[in-house]
């Protein structure tokens, strides 16, 4: 079990998890390349300022603090996306989203209330990397899990799980109802016989 699975499982109660759906790896590559490019530009700017008009101890401290701040922000952004997940469980769909590690949002979507499950393309690049958004409609609310890897397979798996869970629930209800019906009929029959015997005894005494 991975570290992020262990973290998310700590928020669960009695749910049985069938599968975790994560963001595609290209999401993290995009964040890394963006920050690496920004840091490269800042380093080049630093060298240019030191070589021309701004060369002092304070400039080094300023750029050092700036680079440390960017590195911290980069780490938090990576972890925020790293811990996002869409969980397929025996009780419902769970959508975990994280914001700066300190704010977690958990959306419970009941299987019986889930109306549509689909995947949506945003850009041509998404098609090349096979990472689209999974969209789920629950009554009047719509939820999205962005940049999921192989969304067609994931959506198909979610729909199959939903059908199996709802069928099992429906089967259990149909299995329980006849049992109660039989018990009710036996009870009525027994009460009827008791009343008949009571009436017969009453009449015989008269």
C-alpha atoms as a PDB file:
ATOM      1  CA  UNK A   1       0.000   0.000   0.000  1.00  0.00           C
ATOM      2  CA  UNK A   2       1.392   3.408  -1.004  1.00  0.00           C
ATOM      3  CA  UNK A   3       1.749   6.367   1.357  1.00  0.00           C
ATOM      4  CA  UNK A   4      -1.080   8.343  -0.246  1.00  0.00           C
ATOM      5  CA  UNK A   5      -3.412   5.334  -0.027  1.00  0.00           C
ATOM      6  CA  UNK A   6      -2.613   5.025   3.685  1.00  0.00           C
ATOM      7  CA  UNK A   7      -3.320   8.739   4.241  1.00  0.00           C
ATOM      8  CA  UNK A   8      -6.674   8.615   2.478  1.00  0.00           C
ATOM      9  CA  UNK A   9      -7.711   5.342   4.132  1.00  0.00           C
ATOM     10  CA  UNK A  10      -7.303   7.042   7.503  1.00  0.00           C
ATOM     11  CA  UNK A  11     -10.348   9.189   6.605  1.00  0.00           C
ATOM     12  CA  UNK A  12     -12.535   6.173   5.819  1.00  0.00           C
ATOM     13  CA  UNK A  13     -14.901   4.365   8.186  1.00  0.00           C
ATOM     14  CA  UNK A  14     -16.235   0.958   7.128  1.00  0.00           C
ATOM     15  CA  UNK A  15     -15.959   1.401   3.371  1.00  0.00           C
ATOM     16  CA  UNK A  16     -14.371  -1.308   1.265  1.00  0.00           C
ATOM     17  CA  UNK A  17     -12.250   0.329  -1.437  1.00  0.00           C
ATOM     18  CA  UNK A  18     -12.370  -1.342  -4.839  1.00  0.00           C
ATOM     19  CA  UNK A  19     -10.052   1.090  -6.630  1.00  0.00           C
ATOM     20  CA  UNK A  20      -8.263   4.433  -6.321  1.00  0.00           C
ATOM     21  CA  UNK A  21      -8.302   6.815  -9.286  1.00  0.00           C
ATOM     22  CA  UNK A  22      -5.427   9.327  -9.345  1.00  0.00           C
ATOM     23  CA  UNK A  23      -4.329  12.212 -11.531  1.00  0.00           C
ATOM     24  CA  UNK A  24      -2.232  11.399 -14.579  1.00  0.00           C
ATOM     25  CA  UNK A  25       1.546  11.723 -14.177  1.00  0.00           C
ATOM     26  CA  UNK A  26       1.619  14.539 -16.746  1.00  0.00           C
ATOM     27  CA  UNK A  27      -0.056  16.763 -14.134  1.00  0.00           C
ATOM     28  CA  UNK A  28       3.043  16.561 -11.944  1.00  0.00           C
ATOM     29  CA  UNK A  29       5.412  16.934 -14.895  1.00  0.00           C
ATOM     30  CA  UNK A  30       3.609  20.152 -15.878  1.00  0.00           C
ATOM     31  CA  UNK A  31       3.979  21.584 -12.360  1.00  0.00           C
ATOM     32  CA  UNK A  32       7.663  20.616 -12.188  1.00  0.00           C
ATOM     33  CA  UNK A  33       8.494  22.085 -15.601  1.00  0.00           C
ATOM     34  CA  UNK A  34       6.644  25.294 -14.766  1.00  0.00           C
ATOM     35  CA  UNK A  35       8.585  25.871 -11.559  1.00  0.00           C
ATOM     36  CA  UNK A  36      11.920  24.774 -13.062  1.00  0.00           C
ATOM     37  CA  UNK A  37      11.421  27.302 -15.862  1.00  0.00           C
ATOM     38  CA  UNK A  38      10.548  30.055 -13.379  1.00  0.00           C
ATOM     39  CA  UNK A  39      13.571  29.292 -11.199  1.00  0.00           C
ATOM     40  CA  UNK A  40      15.848  29.243 -14.273  1.00  0.00           C
ATOM     41  CA  UNK A  41      14.590  32.698 -15.287  1.00  0.00           C
ATOM     42  CA  UNK A  42      15.181  34.035 -11.757  1.00  0.00           C
ATOM     43  CA  UNK A  43      18.714  32.612 -11.642  1.00  0.00           C
ATOM     44  CA  UNK A  44      19.558  34.196 -15.010  1.00  0.00           C
ATOM     45  CA  UNK A  45      18.113  37.498 -13.796  1.00  0.00           C
ATOM     46  CA  UNK A  46      20.177  37.235 -10.634  1.00  0.00           C
ATOM     47  CA  UNK A  47      23.404  36.701 -12.584  1.00  0.00           C
ATOM     48  CA  UNK A  48      22.609  39.611 -14.886  1.00  0.00           C
ATOM     49  CA  UNK A  49      21.864  42.005 -12.001  1.00  0.00           C
ATOM     50  CA  UNK A  50      25.036  41.033 -10.167  1.00  0.00           C
ATOM     51  CA  UNK A  51      27.103  41.534 -13.315  1.00  0.00           C
ATOM     52  CA  UNK A  52      25.648  44.971 -14.028  1.00  0.00           C
ATOM     53  CA  UNK A  53      24.006  47.161 -11.415  1.00  0.00           C
ATOM     54  CA  UNK A  54      23.061  45.155  -8.344  1.00  0.00           C
ATOM     55  CA  UNK A  55      25.836  43.274  -6.608  1.00  0.00           C
ATOM     56  CA  UNK A  56      25.576  43.095  -2.840  1.00  0.00           C
ATOM     57  CA  UNK A  57      25.048  40.721   0.057  1.00  0.00           C
ATOM     58  CA  UNK A  58      21.396  41.814   0.271  1.00  0.00           C
ATOM     59  CA  UNK A  59      20.751  40.751  -3.303  1.00  0.00           C
ATOM     60  CA  UNK A  60      21.980  37.238  -2.519  1.00  0.00           C
ATOM     61  CA  UNK A  61      19.761  37.031   0.554  1.00  0.00           C
ATOM     62  CA  UNK A  62      16.783  38.338  -1.385  1.00  0.00           C
ATOM     63  CA  UNK A  63      17.133  35.809  -4.177  1.00  0.00           C
ATOM     64  CA  UNK A  64      17.857  32.991  -1.708  1.00  0.00           C
ATOM     65  CA  UNK A  65      14.638  33.702   0.200  1.00  0.00           C
ATOM     66  CA  UNK A  66      12.724  33.956  -3.083  1.00  0.00           C
ATOM     67  CA  UNK A  67      14.054  30.611  -4.318  1.00  0.00           C
ATOM     68  CA  UNK A  68      13.270  28.921  -0.993  1.00  0.00           C
ATOM     69  CA  UNK A  69       9.725  30.310  -1.140  1.00  0.00           C
ATOM     70  CA  UNK A  70       9.241  29.013  -4.684  1.00  0.00           C
ATOM     71  CA  UNK A  71      10.582  25.609  -3.713  1.00  0.00           C
ATOM     72  CA  UNK A  72       8.143  25.439  -0.781  1.00  0.00           C
ATOM     73  CA  UNK A  73       5.231  26.495  -3.002  1.00  0.00           C
ATOM     74  CA  UNK A  74       6.261  23.925  -5.614  1.00  0.00           C
ATOM     75  CA  UNK A  75       6.317  21.157  -2.969  1.00  0.00           C
ATOM     76  CA  UNK A  76       2.864  22.108  -1.669  1.00  0.00           C
ATOM     77  CA  UNK A  77       1.376  22.201  -5.205  1.00  0.00           C
ATOM     78  CA  UNK A  78       2.783  18.763  -5.959  1.00  0.00           C
ATOM     79  CA  UNK A  79       1.422  17.282  -2.726  1.00  0.00           C
ATOM     80  CA  UNK A  80      -1.993  18.888  -3.249  1.00  0.00           C
ATOM     81  CA  UNK A  81      -2.427  17.112  -6.566  1.00  0.00           C
ATOM     82  CA  UNK A  82      -0.649  13.986  -5.328  1.00  0.00           C
ATOM     83  CA  UNK A  83      -3.273  13.437  -2.615  1.00  0.00           C
ATOM     84  CA  UNK A  84      -6.353  14.083  -4.779  1.00  0.00           C
ATOM     85  CA  UNK A  85      -8.311  10.904  -5.458  1.00  0.00           C
ATOM     86  CA  UNK A  86     -11.615   9.448  -6.619  1.00  0.00           C
ATOM     87  CA  UNK A  87     -12.446   6.298  -4.655  1.00  0.00           C
ATOM     88  CA  UNK A  88     -14.754   3.505  -5.772  1.00  0.00           C
ATOM     89  CA  UNK A  89     -16.164   1.820  -2.663  1.00  0.00           C
ATOM     90  CA  UNK A  90     -18.933  -0.614  -1.799  1.00  0.00           C
ATOM     91  CA  UNK A  91     -21.025   2.180  -0.236  1.00  0.00           C
ATOM     92  CA  UNK A  92     -20.499   5.209  -2.494  1.00  0.00           C
ATOM     93  CA  UNK A  93     -18.105   7.167  -4.668  1.00  0.00           C
ATOM     94  CA  UNK A  94     -15.765   9.348  -2.635  1.00  0.00           C
ATOM     95  CA  UNK A  95     -14.120  12.451  -4.104  1.00  0.00           C
ATOM     96  CA  UNK A  96     -11.112  13.680  -2.100  1.00  0.00           C
ATOM     97  CA  UNK A  97      -9.645  17.110  -2.885  1.00  0.00           C
ATOM     98  CA  UNK A  98      -6.855  18.826  -0.957  1.00  0.00           C
ATOM     99  CA  UNK A  99      -5.978  22.519  -0.666  1.00  0.00           C
ATOM    100  CA  UNK A 100      -2.596  23.452   0.814  1.00  0.00           C
ATOM    101  CA  UNK A 101      -2.561  20.188   2.759  1.00  0.00           C
ATOM    102  CA  UNK A 102      -4.579  21.698   5.605  1.00  0.00           C
ATOM    103  CA  UNK A 103      -7.985  21.781   3.941  1.00  0.00           C
ATOM    104  CA  UNK A 104      -9.575  18.535   2.786  1.00  0.00           C
ATOM    105  CA  UNK A 105     -12.925  18.223   1.050  1.00  0.00           C
ATOM    106  CA  UNK A 106     -14.677  14.849   0.926  1.00  0.00           C
ATOM    107  CA  UNK A 107     -17.776  14.392  -1.232  1.00  0.00           C
ATOM    108  CA  UNK A 108     -19.849  11.236  -0.701  1.00  0.00           C
ATOM    109  CA  UNK A 109     -21.881  10.299  -3.782  1.00  0.00           C
ATOM    110  CA  UNK A 110     -24.410   7.537  -3.136  1.00  0.00           C
ATOM    111  CA  UNK A 111     -24.702   4.927  -5.860  1.00  0.00           C
ATOM    112  CA  UNK A 112     -28.478   5.117  -6.029  1.00  0.00           C
ATOM    113  CA  UNK A 113     -28.361   8.927  -6.477  1.00  0.00           C
ATOM    114  CA  UNK A 114     -25.630   8.905  -9.137  1.00  0.00           C
ATOM    115  CA  UNK A 115     -27.277   9.760 -12.452  1.00  0.00           C
ATOM    116  CA  UNK A 116     -24.545  10.177 -15.087  1.00  0.00           C
ATOM    117  CA  UNK A 117     -20.881   9.179 -15.175  1.00  0.00           C
ATOM    118  CA  UNK A 118     -18.899  10.444 -18.144  1.00  0.00           C
ATOM    119  CA  UNK A 119     -15.474  11.672 -19.249  1.00  0.00           C
ATOM    120  CA  UNK A 120     -14.836  14.961 -20.993  1.00  0.00           C
ATOM    121  CA  UNK A 121     -11.983  16.127 -23.217  1.00  0.00           C
ATOM    122  CA  UNK A 122     -10.579  19.603 -22.586  1.00  0.00           C
ATOM    123  CA  UNK A 123      -7.724  19.977 -25.091  1.00  0.00           C
ATOM    124  CA  UNK A 124      -6.098  18.061 -27.927  1.00  0.00           C
ATOM    125  CA  UNK A 125      -3.136  17.479 -25.615  1.00  0.00           C
ATOM    126  CA  UNK A 126      -5.445  15.575 -23.275  1.00  0.00           C
ATOM    127  CA  UNK A 127      -6.303  13.204 -26.105  1.00  0.00           C
ATOM    128  CA  UNK A 128      -2.619  12.563 -26.862  1.00  0.00           C
ATOM    129  CA  UNK A 129      -1.803  11.751 -23.240  1.00  0.00           C
ATOM    130  CA  UNK A 130      -5.126   9.945 -22.594  1.00  0.00           C
ATOM    131  CA  UNK A 131      -5.986  12.131 -19.605  1.00  0.00           C
ATOM    132  CA  UNK A 132      -9.497  13.543 -19.587  1.00  0.00           C
ATOM    133  CA  UNK A 133     -11.838  14.763 -16.860  1.00  0.00           C
ATOM    134  CA  UNK A 134     -14.309  12.411 -15.196  1.00  0.00           C
ATOM    135  CA  UNK A 135     -17.666  14.125 -14.567  1.00  0.00           C
ATOM    136  CA  UNK A 136     -20.306  12.743 -12.208  1.00  0.00           C
ATOM    137  CA  UNK A 137     -23.834  14.094 -11.829  1.00  0.00           C
ATOM    138  CA  UNK A 138     -25.671  13.465  -8.562  1.00  0.00           C
ATOM    139  CA  UNK A 139     -29.218  14.819  -8.664  1.00  0.00           C
ATOM    140  CA  UNK A 140     -28.735  18.588  -9.214  1.00  0.00           C
ATOM    141  CA  UNK A 141     -24.988  18.644  -8.466  1.00  0.00           C
ATOM    142  CA  UNK A 142     -22.069  18.016 -10.822  1.00  0.00           C
ATOM    143  CA  UNK A 143     -18.599  16.953  -9.673  1.00  0.00           C
ATOM    144  CA  UNK A 144     -15.370  16.657 -11.651  1.00  0.00           C
ATOM    145  CA  UNK A 145     -12.133  14.794 -11.156  1.00  0.00           C
ATOM    146  CA  UNK A 146      -9.671  16.449 -13.501  1.00  0.00           C
ATOM    147  CA  UNK A 147      -6.852  14.886 -15.503  1.00  0.00           C
ATOM    148  CA  UNK A 148      -7.595  11.233 -14.814  1.00  0.00           C
ATOM    149  CA  UNK A 149      -5.478   8.632 -16.546  1.00  0.00           C
ATOM    150  CA  UNK A 150      -7.281   6.351 -19.033  1.00  0.00           C
ATOM    151  CA  UNK A 151     -10.716   7.834 -18.213  1.00  0.00           C
ATOM    152  CA  UNK A 152     -12.670   5.564 -20.573  1.00  0.00           C
ATOM    153  CA  UNK A 153     -11.522   2.480 -18.655  1.00  0.00           C
ATOM    154  CA  UNK A 154     -12.177   4.143 -15.298  1.00  0.00           C
ATOM    155  CA  UNK A 155     -15.694   5.271 -16.239  1.00  0.00           C
ATOM    156  CA  UNK A 156     -16.536   1.810 -17.576  1.00  0.00           C
ATOM    157  CA  UNK A 157     -15.287   0.263 -14.332  1.00  0.00           C
ATOM    158  CA  UNK A 158     -17.334   2.704 -12.210  1.00  0.00           C
ATOM    159  CA  UNK A 159     -20.515   1.966 -14.182  1.00  0.00           C
ATOM    160  CA  UNK A 160     -19.994  -1.805 -13.891  1.00  0.00           C
ATOM    161  CA  UNK A 161     -19.448  -1.503 -10.157  1.00  0.00           C
ATOM    162  CA  UNK A 162     -22.570   0.624  -9.791  1.00  0.00           C
ATOM    163  CA  UNK A 163     -24.682  -1.938 -11.636  1.00  0.00           C
ATOM    164  CA  UNK A 164     -23.351  -4.801  -9.518  1.00  0.00           C
ATOM    165  CA  UNK A 165     -23.864  -2.948  -6.230  1.00  0.00           C
ATOM    166  CA  UNK A 166     -27.401  -1.823  -7.087  1.00  0.00           C
ATOM    167  CA  UNK A 167     -28.303  -5.298  -8.369  1.00  0.00           C
ATOM    168  CA  UNK A 168     -26.994  -6.871  -5.161  1.00  0.00           C
ATOM    169  CA  UNK A 169     -28.987  -4.373  -3.092  1.00  0.00           C
ATOM    170  CA  UNK A 170     -32.138  -5.035  -5.112  1.00  0.00           C
ATOM    171  CA  UNK A 171     -31.638  -8.804  -4.836  1.00  0.00           C
ATOM    172  CA  UNK A 172     -31.226  -8.565  -1.061  1.00  0.00           C
ATOM    173  CA  UNK A 173     -34.467  -6.625  -0.739  1.00  0.00           C
ATOM    174  CA  UNK A 174     -36.348  -9.143  -2.885  1.00  0.00           C
ATOM    175  CA  UNK A 175     -34.870 -11.965  -0.858  1.00  0.00           C
ATOM    176  CA  UNK A 176     -35.935 -10.458   2.482  1.00  0.00           C
ATOM    177  CA  UNK A 177     -39.485  -9.468   1.506  1.00  0.00           C
ATOM    178  CA  UNK A 178     -40.805 -13.011   0.797  1.00  0.00           C
ATOM    179  CA  UNK A 179     -39.419 -14.153   4.153  1.00  0.00           C
ATOM    180  CA  UNK A 180     -41.387 -11.469   5.986  1.00  0.00           C
ATOM    181  CA  UNK A 181     -44.420 -12.214   3.828  1.00  0.00           C
ATOM    182  CA  UNK A 182     -44.319 -15.904   4.793  1.00  0.00           C
ATOM    183  CA  UNK A 183     -43.976 -15.043   8.473  1.00  0.00           C
ATOM    184  CA  UNK A 184     -46.894 -12.624   8.230  1.00  0.00           C
ATOM    185  CA  UNK A 185     -49.103 -15.241   6.571  1.00  0.00           C
ATOM    186  CA  UNK A 186     -48.213 -17.814   9.265  1.00  0.00           C
ATOM    187  CA  UNK A 187     -49.037 -15.276  11.959  1.00  0.00           C
ATOM    188  CA  UNK A 188     -52.410 -14.468  10.390  1.00  0.00           C
ATOM    189  CA  UNK A 189     -53.180 -18.164  10.011  1.00  0.00           C
ATOM    190  CA  UNK A 190     -52.268 -18.884  13.635  1.00  0.00           C
ATOM    191  CA  UNK A 191     -54.385 -15.989  14.882  1.00  0.00           C
ATOM    192  CA  UNK A 192     -57.269 -17.202  12.743  1.00  0.00           C
ATOM    193  CA  UNK A 193     -57.064 -20.693  14.207  1.00  0.00           C
ATOM    194  CA  UNK A 194     -56.898 -19.301  17.749  1.00  0.00           C
ATOM    195  CA  UNK A 195     -59.968 -17.143  17.150  1.00  0.00           C
ATOM    196  CA  UNK A 196     -61.862 -20.094  15.634  1.00  0.00           C
ATOM    197  CA  UNK A 197     -61.032 -22.305  18.619  1.00  0.00           C
ATOM    198  CA  UNK A 198     -62.112 -19.572  21.025  1.00  0.00           C
ATOM    199  CA  UNK A 199     -65.434 -19.102  19.195  1.00  0.00           C
ATOM    200  CA  UNK A 200     -66.086 -22.873  19.157  1.00  0.00           C
ATOM    201  CA  UNK A 201     -65.402 -23.190  22.897  1.00  0.00           C
ATOM    202  CA  UNK A 202     -67.644 -20.204  23.590  1.00  0.00           C
ATOM    203  CA  UNK A 203     -70.482 -21.721  21.604  1.00  0.00           C
ATOM    204  CA  UNK A 204     -70.088 -25.155  23.242  1.00  0.00           C
ATOM    205  CA  UNK A 205     -70.433 -23.610  26.685  1.00  0.00           C
ATOM    206  CA  UNK A 206     -73.652 -21.924  25.654  1.00  0.00           C
END
